[in-house]
Each structure stands twice: as structure tokens, then as C-alpha cells.
Amino acid sequence: MKQKIAVLGPGSWGTALAKVLVENGHDVTIWGNKKEQAEEINTAHTNKNYLPTITLPEGLKATTELAVAVTGADAILFVVPTKAIRSVASDLVAVMDTKPVIIHASKGLEQVTHKRISEVLLEEIPEDKRQDVVVLSGPSHAEEVAVRDITTITAASKNLVYAEYVQTLFMNDYFRIYTNTDVIGVETGAALKNIIALGSGAISGLGFGDNAKAAIMTRGLAEISRLGVAMGADPLTFIGMSGVGDLIVTCTSVHSRNWRAGDLLGRGHNLEEILANMGMIVEGVSTTKAAYELSRELDVELPITEAIYSVLYENQDVKTAARQIMLRDGKSEEEF
């Protein structure tokens, strides 16, 4: 059944998801705050700053007016940076004229509050203004989804009916959606894998080989699971698409901006210079700070996250931080 869907955020991932939805026969409007970008999508059917080689469907509409995007919407998909979620959600409430399903495909933790994105959305959008909030997450590069490469991700909601609704919206012969009811686990895996991707990139930039890369991913998954379980997640979620699946794709590919940022750190580049030249938000940098602070609150040990925090926020040398992890007291693997 054809649905009217507003996509908030015309970056690479928002544009790729909007393309999937249009190709699935839905009426889709994408919203952003840059007039030139909206005009490009509407007239040239491209978004060259984010997906330079992709021609977008002519049916995809773009606007800079939030009210225009969401009028009559059956579903609203957030794909804006984590730091913008609360303000955009607050603005949204004033212009909504339906009671849509709220979906988000952003990955991070809010600064200061350390809240998951769905928690922020539930706070800002009153219950009488929305249906449920559904998380869309998993191993997926926008560049590959945009060219219809085979991709599988997860739609998570405490209410399975809404996860299945999102599954129906997106699923086709190249984009497969699995459902899950563990919202905490899916969101935690999505956010924290970006931290480990920074570390994996740094390992590469330092010149270490496959052994080191396997080590940081495996021990990184242990950290993600440990913090996630402390937050109330099902540990089995972390061996699924939004756990180990997302971790692998983000820690091993040049498509990953977090991996690229880490690689440049390992090669000796300055963090401010890296972020200025990246052209897109590197969510792992802010998530590292939030996760580090949250781990202190919950008394959960996260040695890789702590090492990356020391590099990003305390000017620790990358190679020294890696050496200090290796010289920690011996542990049993069963201790995580």
C-alpha cells in the first residue's frame, strides 16, 4: 500500500533510504535546510555532495519547509545527526497534521543526557501526536544501498506491529529488513560500533595488520555487549545485524567515515583538521564522550573506549594508547 513518507535529513543515508522508498512505490519528500541542495534534487535529480555518482528517482521531492515535508505523512523518518534530533523533533511537533509512525535511522547517544535517540524522540513528540517510534539500523553503507547492492538491516520496536510496518515499507529484492523488539540493544549497537570503528581505523593507520584488526573488533563487541546489557539490552542482539553485522561493515570499509577518521588519526593527522575536511558528521567522536561518561555512571569497564577517549579528548598519542591497552592486567575471556 502506497504511503506518504517524510525523510528528514538529505545526507547520504537519508537520500539512499528515500531512494529505496520511492522505488518501492511510496510518495516521498525529503527535507533539509539548504535551498541549493533541495533545488538540485528536484531539478537535476542528484545529490552530488553526498552520492556523487547516483541519479535519483524523479518522483523524489525535496523541500526546505518542514511543514511541507510532513503534511499528510503516514510515517516520518529521522536521518539527521544525533545532535540535531531533539531540536528537529521539537520543531516537528508544531507542524504535524497527522499521527504518523516515527522512524529513525540515526546512530549515536545524546550528549550530556546520554540518552538513546528513541528516548529523545519519545520525550519531544507527545504520545497523542505519534504512533510508535521504530529504530532502523544495521550493516549498511549508503553508497551501496544507492546502487541496489544487497543489504540486510533491522527494524526494532517494542511493539512488533510497528516494526513489521517499517519492514513492509522498505523491503524489496535488494533491501531486506528483519524485525526485533530489543530497541535498547539495537540502538546501543548502532551507536557504539562507531567508537570501535575509530579504533579500527587507527589500527590501520598505525600500520598494524589483520591480527590487530580482528582483536579490536572482537574485544570491541565485548565492550558494546557489556555496556548494552548494563543498559537493559538482550545480549543476543549483539550477535545480530545491528551488533556484529554493523560492527564488521563499519570497521572494515573505506566507506565508513568513522574508520576513515580513525585511519587519519593513526597516520598522525590532527582531529580538528580531520573533522573539518571530512564533509560529514563523524558520530563516533561525540559518541565516545557520551559512552565514556555513561560507563562511569554505570560502573562498566570499557578499555577500548577509554583509550579512544584519551586520544580524542586528552591528547594522548595513538600508539601509546594502543600499547597501554595491551599492557593491561591479564583477564579471562569470560570476563569480557
Protein backbone atom coordinates (compact mmCIF):
# COMPACT_ATOMS: atom_id res chain seq x y z
CA MET A 1 0.00 0.00 0.00
CA LYS A 2 1.34 3.40 -1.03
CA GLN A 3 2.32 5.57 1.93
CA LYS A 4 3.27 9.23 2.27
CA ILE A 5 6.64 9.48 3.95
CA ALA A 6 8.76 12.44 5.04
CA VAL A 7 12.51 11.88 5.26
CA LEU A 8 14.25 14.42 7.49
CA GLY A 9 17.90 14.73 6.52
CA PRO A 10 19.24 14.78 2.93
CA GLY A 11 22.68 13.38 3.69
CA SER A 12 23.97 10.21 2.07
CA TRP A 13 21.97 7.80 4.26
CA GLY A 14 18.77 9.83 4.21
CA THR A 15 18.98 10.15 0.43
CA ALA A 16 19.67 6.44 -0.06
CA LEU A 17 16.72 5.47 2.14
CA ALA A 18 14.46 7.96 0.37
CA LYS A 19 15.50 6.37 -2.94
CA VAL A 20 14.53 2.91 -1.65
CA LEU A 21 11.14 4.19 -0.54
CA VAL A 22 10.39 5.88 -3.87
CA GLU A 23 11.43 2.76 -5.76
CA ASN A 24 9.03 0.80 -3.54
CA GLY A 25 6.18 3.00 -4.79
CA HIS A 26 5.78 5.43 -1.89
CA ASP A 27 5.21 9.19 -2.01
CA VAL A 28 8.39 10.62 -0.51
CA THR A 29 9.51 14.15 0.35
CA ILE A 30 12.98 14.76 1.75
CA TRP A 31 13.61 17.78 3.98
CA GLY A 32 16.82 19.70 4.60
CA ASN A 33 17.85 23.29 5.35
CA LYS A 34 19.89 24.03 2.20
CA LYS A 35 17.91 25.59 -0.64
CA GLU A 36 20.52 24.76 -3.29
CA GLN A 37 20.51 21.10 -2.30
CA ALA A 38 16.72 20.87 -2.48
CA GLU A 39 16.73 22.53 -5.90
CA GLU A 40 19.38 20.09 -7.13
CA ILE A 41 17.34 17.08 -6.02
CA ASN A 42 14.16 18.49 -7.60
CA THR A 43 15.65 19.58 -10.93
CA ALA A 44 18.82 17.60 -11.60
CA HIS A 45 17.73 14.53 -9.58
CA THR A 46 21.15 14.30 -7.98
CA ASN A 47 22.72 14.96 -4.57
CA LYS A 48 26.34 15.20 -5.63
CA ASN A 49 27.84 16.31 -2.32
CA TYR A 50 26.74 13.03 -0.75
CA LEU A 51 26.10 10.49 -3.53
CA PRO A 52 28.05 11.92 -6.47
CA THR A 53 27.50 9.09 -8.96
CA ILE A 54 23.81 8.43 -8.29
CA THR A 55 20.79 9.56 -10.32
CA LEU A 56 17.78 9.87 -8.04
CA PRO A 57 14.21 8.92 -8.97
CA GLU A 58 12.24 11.78 -10.48
CA GLY A 59 9.45 11.02 -8.00
CA LEU A 60 11.62 12.06 -5.04
CA LYS A 61 10.69 15.58 -3.95
CA ALA A 62 12.79 17.87 -1.76
CA THR A 63 11.90 20.92 0.32
CA THR A 64 13.36 23.25 2.93
CA GLU A 65 9.95 23.74 4.53
CA LEU A 66 9.39 21.24 7.33
CA ALA A 67 5.61 21.70 7.22
CA VAL A 68 5.54 20.92 3.51
CA ALA A 69 7.52 17.72 4.05
CA VAL A 70 5.37 16.32 6.85
CA THR A 71 1.87 17.39 5.81
CA GLY A 72 -0.27 14.29 5.46
CA ALA A 73 2.60 11.96 6.36
CA ASP A 74 1.90 8.35 7.35
CA ALA A 75 5.50 7.99 8.53
CA ILE A 76 8.34 10.38 9.32
CA LEU A 77 11.93 9.14 9.06
CA PHE A 78 14.66 10.97 11.01
CA VAL A 79 18.12 10.75 9.43
CA VAL A 80 19.66 13.88 10.92
CA PRO A 81 22.81 13.95 13.11
CA THR A 82 22.27 12.92 16.72
CA LYS A 83 22.96 16.44 17.98
CA ALA A 84 20.04 17.77 15.89
CA ILE A 85 17.44 15.14 16.83
CA ARG A 86 15.90 16.98 19.78
CA SER A 87 15.61 20.37 18.10
CA VAL A 88 14.19 18.95 14.86
CA ALA A 89 11.69 16.82 16.81
CA SER A 90 10.61 19.88 18.78
CA ASP A 91 10.10 21.88 15.59
CA LEU A 92 8.22 18.97 14.04
CA VAL A 93 5.51 18.90 16.68
CA ALA A 94 4.32 22.38 15.73
CA VAL A 95 3.71 21.50 12.07
CA MET A 96 2.40 17.91 12.15
CA ASP A 97 -1.18 17.39 10.92
CA THR A 98 -1.30 13.59 11.21
CA LYS A 99 -0.37 10.97 13.80
CA PRO A 100 2.48 9.26 11.97
CA VAL A 101 4.79 6.38 12.78
CA ILE A 102 8.15 7.90 13.76
CA ILE A 103 11.21 6.08 12.41
CA HIS A 104 14.84 6.95 12.97
CA ALA A 105 17.98 5.74 11.21
CA SER A 106 20.49 7.91 13.09
CA LYS A 107 23.22 6.37 15.26
CA GLY A 108 24.51 7.92 18.45
CA LEU A 109 23.90 8.96 22.05
CA GLU A 110 22.80 12.44 23.08
CA GLN A 111 25.49 14.50 24.74
CA VAL A 112 25.10 15.29 28.48
CA THR A 113 21.93 13.19 28.93
CA HIS A 114 23.49 10.08 27.29
CA LYS A 115 20.02 9.14 26.09
CA ARG A 116 19.31 6.91 23.12
CA ILE A 117 17.70 8.58 20.12
CA SER A 118 14.34 6.87 20.58
CA GLU A 119 14.23 8.18 24.15
CA VAL A 120 14.75 11.73 22.88
CA LEU A 121 12.02 11.31 20.25
CA LEU A 122 9.57 9.92 22.80
CA GLU A 123 10.26 12.89 25.07
CA GLU A 124 9.85 15.53 22.37
CA ILE A 125 6.91 14.13 20.39
CA PRO A 126 3.86 13.67 22.63
CA GLU A 127 2.00 10.37 22.53
CA ASP A 128 -1.12 11.98 21.06
CA LYS A 129 0.96 13.26 18.12
CA ARG A 130 2.51 9.96 17.01
CA GLN A 131 2.19 6.24 16.71
CA ASP A 132 5.22 4.26 17.88
CA VAL A 133 8.93 5.02 17.42
CA VAL A 134 10.83 2.46 15.33
CA VAL A 135 14.62 2.14 15.01
CA LEU A 136 16.09 1.28 11.60
CA SER A 137 19.67 0.08 11.89
CA GLY A 138 22.20 -2.44 10.65
CA PRO A 139 25.23 -3.02 8.40
CA SER A 140 24.64 -0.60 5.55
CA HIS A 141 26.69 1.85 3.54
CA ALA A 142 24.57 4.44 1.76
CA GLU A 143 26.82 4.22 -1.30
CA GLU A 144 25.99 0.54 -1.71
CA VAL A 145 22.27 0.81 -0.96
CA ALA A 146 22.03 3.58 -3.56
CA VAL A 147 23.30 1.22 -6.28
CA ARG A 148 20.98 -1.57 -5.10
CA ASP A 149 23.68 -3.72 -3.56
CA ILE A 150 22.27 -6.50 -1.36
CA THR A 151 21.75 -5.17 2.19
CA THR A 152 20.05 -6.52 5.32
CA ILE A 153 19.19 -4.40 8.37
CA THR A 154 16.83 -4.38 11.36
CA ALA A 155 13.62 -2.55 12.27
CA ALA A 156 13.18 -2.51 16.05
CA SER A 157 10.19 -1.56 18.17
CA LYS A 158 8.79 -2.78 21.46
CA ASN A 159 5.53 -3.18 19.55
CA LEU A 160 6.20 -5.73 16.80
CA VAL A 161 3.29 -4.43 14.73
CA TYR A 162 5.16 -1.19 14.01
CA ALA A 163 8.45 -2.94 13.31
CA GLU A 164 6.57 -5.05 10.76
CA TYR A 165 5.05 -1.90 9.26
CA VAL A 166 8.53 -0.46 8.68
CA GLN A 167 9.67 -3.81 7.33
CA THR A 168 6.87 -3.63 4.75
CA LEU A 169 7.77 -0.04 3.77
CA PHE A 170 11.37 -0.79 2.94
CA MET A 171 11.74 -4.43 1.94
CA ASN A 172 12.45 -5.38 -1.68
CA ASP A 173 14.74 -7.66 -3.68
CA TYR A 174 17.96 -5.90 -2.62
CA PHE A 175 17.00 -4.37 0.75
CA ARG A 176 15.89 -6.90 3.36
CA ILE A 177 14.56 -5.95 6.80
CA TYR A 178 14.45 -8.16 9.88
CA THR A 179 12.32 -7.23 12.89
CA ASN A 180 13.41 -7.03 16.52
CA THR A 181 11.79 -5.93 19.78
CA ASP A 182 15.05 -5.08 21.62
CA VAL A 183 15.19 -1.34 20.99
CA ILE A 184 17.90 -0.79 23.62
CA GLY A 185 20.20 -3.38 22.08
CA VAL A 186 19.71 -2.22 18.51
CA GLU A 187 20.34 1.43 19.35
CA THR A 188 23.31 0.67 21.60
CA GLY A 189 24.97 -1.48 18.96
CA ALA A 190 24.35 1.20 16.34
CA ALA A 191 25.90 3.95 18.44
CA LEU A 192 28.88 2.20 19.99
CA LYS A 193 30.16 0.46 16.85
CA ASN A 194 31.23 3.90 15.61
CA ILE A 195 33.65 4.15 18.54
CA ILE A 196 35.22 0.81 17.69
CA ALA A 197 35.39 1.84 14.01
CA LEU A 198 37.51 4.84 15.02
CA GLY A 199 39.84 2.44 16.81
CA SER A 200 39.90 0.02 13.89
CA GLY A 201 40.81 2.84 11.54
CA ALA A 202 43.55 3.99 13.89
CA ILE A 203 44.98 0.46 13.99
CA SER A 204 45.16 0.53 10.20
CA GLY A 205 46.67 4.00 10.14
CA LEU A 206 49.36 2.88 12.55
CA GLY A 207 50.28 0.09 10.13
CA PHE A 208 49.13 -2.90 12.18
CA GLY A 209 47.78 -5.96 10.38
CA ASP A 210 44.81 -8.29 10.37
CA ASN A 211 45.55 -9.76 13.80
CA ALA A 212 45.17 -6.37 15.44
CA LYS A 213 42.03 -5.57 13.43
CA ALA A 214 40.40 -8.84 14.47
CA ALA A 215 41.36 -8.17 18.09
CA ILE A 216 39.82 -4.70 18.27
CA MET A 217 36.59 -5.83 16.61
CA THR A 218 36.22 -8.86 18.88
CA ARG A 219 37.06 -7.03 22.08
CA GLY A 220 35.04 -4.06 20.86
CA LEU A 221 31.99 -6.29 20.54
CA ALA A 222 32.58 -7.41 24.12
CA GLU A 223 32.55 -3.77 25.26
CA ILE A 224 29.39 -2.98 23.30
CA SER A 225 27.66 -6.02 24.79
CA ARG A 226 28.81 -5.22 28.32
CA LEU A 227 27.51 -1.66 28.27
CA GLY A 228 24.36 -2.64 26.38
CA VAL A 229 23.45 -5.33 28.90
CA ALA A 230 24.01 -2.85 31.73
CA MET A 231 21.51 -0.57 29.98
CA GLY A 232 18.94 -3.37 29.74
CA ALA A 233 19.63 -4.90 26.32
CA ASP A 234 19.29 -8.57 25.35
CA PRO A 235 22.85 -9.89 24.87
CA LEU A 236 21.74 -11.94 21.86
CA THR A 237 21.01 -8.74 19.95
CA PHE A 238 24.72 -8.06 19.69
CA ILE A 239 25.34 -11.15 17.57
CA GLY A 240 22.73 -9.95 15.08
CA MET A 241 22.57 -7.42 12.24
CA SER A 242 22.70 -4.31 14.43
CA GLY A 243 25.51 -5.76 16.57
CA VAL A 244 28.29 -7.77 14.98
CA GLY A 245 26.92 -7.12 11.49
CA ASP A 246 27.11 -3.35 11.78
CA LEU A 247 30.43 -3.60 13.60
CA ILE A 248 32.04 -5.57 10.76
CA VAL A 249 30.89 -3.28 7.99
CA THR A 250 31.87 -0.11 9.85
CA CYS A 251 35.28 -1.37 10.98
CA THR A 252 36.46 -2.75 7.64
CA SER A 253 35.42 -0.32 4.91
CA VAL A 254 36.68 2.95 3.48
CA HIS A 255 33.00 3.89 3.05
CA SER A 256 32.88 4.34 6.84
CA ARG A 257 33.63 7.94 7.80
CA ASN A 258 34.45 6.76 11.35
CA TRP A 259 37.01 4.29 10.00
CA ARG A 260 38.48 6.96 7.73
CA ALA A 261 38.73 9.43 10.61
CA GLY A 262 40.47 6.82 12.77
CA ASP A 263 42.85 5.91 9.95
CA LEU A 264 43.88 9.54 9.63
CA LEU A 265 44.39 9.78 13.40
CA GLY A 266 46.65 6.74 13.23
CA ARG A 267 48.64 8.43 10.47
CA GLY A 268 49.27 11.43 12.70
CA HIS A 269 46.67 13.91 11.48
CA ASN A 270 45.07 16.41 13.87
CA LEU A 271 41.46 15.69 14.91
CA GLU A 272 40.21 19.20 14.16
CA GLU A 273 41.75 19.02 10.69
CA ILE A 274 40.17 15.62 10.07
CA LEU A 275 36.69 16.74 11.09
CA ALA A 276 36.95 19.96 9.09
CA ASN A 277 37.85 18.07 5.91
CA MET A 278 35.51 15.09 6.29
CA GLY A 279 32.45 16.91 4.94
CA MET A 280 30.08 14.78 7.05
CA ILE A 281 29.45 14.24 10.76
CA VAL A 282 31.74 11.66 12.37
CA GLU A 283 29.30 10.40 15.00
CA GLY A 284 31.90 8.23 16.74
CA VAL A 285 33.74 11.27 18.12
CA SER A 286 30.83 12.61 20.17
CA THR A 287 29.56 9.10 20.96
CA THR A 288 32.95 8.26 22.50
CA LYS A 289 32.49 11.07 25.01
CA ALA A 290 28.90 10.08 25.82
CA ALA A 291 29.75 6.39 26.18
CA TYR A 292 32.81 7.13 28.32
CA GLU A 293 30.73 9.24 30.70
CA LEU A 294 27.89 6.69 30.71
CA SER A 295 30.28 3.87 31.53
CA ARG A 296 31.42 5.84 34.58
CA GLU A 297 27.80 6.27 35.69
CA LEU A 298 27.04 2.57 35.26
CA ASP A 299 30.44 1.37 36.55
CA VAL A 300 31.14 -0.60 33.37
CA GLU A 301 34.72 -1.12 32.19
CA LEU A 302 35.33 -0.10 28.56
CA PRO A 303 39.11 -0.12 27.97
CA ILE A 304 38.99 0.46 24.19
CA THR A 305 36.51 3.29 24.56
CA GLU A 306 38.63 4.77 27.35
CA ALA A 307 41.73 4.61 25.15
CA ILE A 308 39.96 6.30 22.24
CA TYR A 309 38.57 8.93 24.61
CA SER A 310 42.11 9.66 25.81
CA VAL A 311 43.22 10.20 22.20
CA LEU A 312 40.24 12.39 21.22
CA TYR A 313 39.81 14.43 24.39
CA GLU A 314 43.08 14.22 26.34
CA ASN A 315 45.63 14.48 23.50
CA GLN A 316 47.02 11.02 24.17
CA ASP A 317 49.33 9.67 21.46
CA VAL A 318 47.55 6.97 19.43
CA LYS A 319 50.40 4.47 19.55
CA THR A 320 50.83 4.99 23.31
CA ALA A 321 47.12 4.40 23.87
CA ALA A 322 47.28 1.13 21.89
CA ARG A 323 50.31 -0.01 23.88
CA GLN A 324 48.60 0.74 27.20
CA ILE A 325 45.63 -1.46 26.25
CA MET A 326 47.98 -4.35 25.50
CA LEU A 327 49.77 -3.94 28.85
CA ARG A 328 46.63 -4.10 30.99
CA ASP A 329 46.46 -6.84 33.61
CA GLY A 330 45.68 -10.29 32.24
CA LYS A 331 41.99 -11.24 32.06
CA SER A 332 39.87 -14.28 31.38
CA GLU A 333 37.94 -14.01 28.11
CA GLU A 334 34.83 -14.97 30.08
CA GLU A 335 35.19 -11.65 31.93
CA PHE A 336 34.64 -9.91 28.56
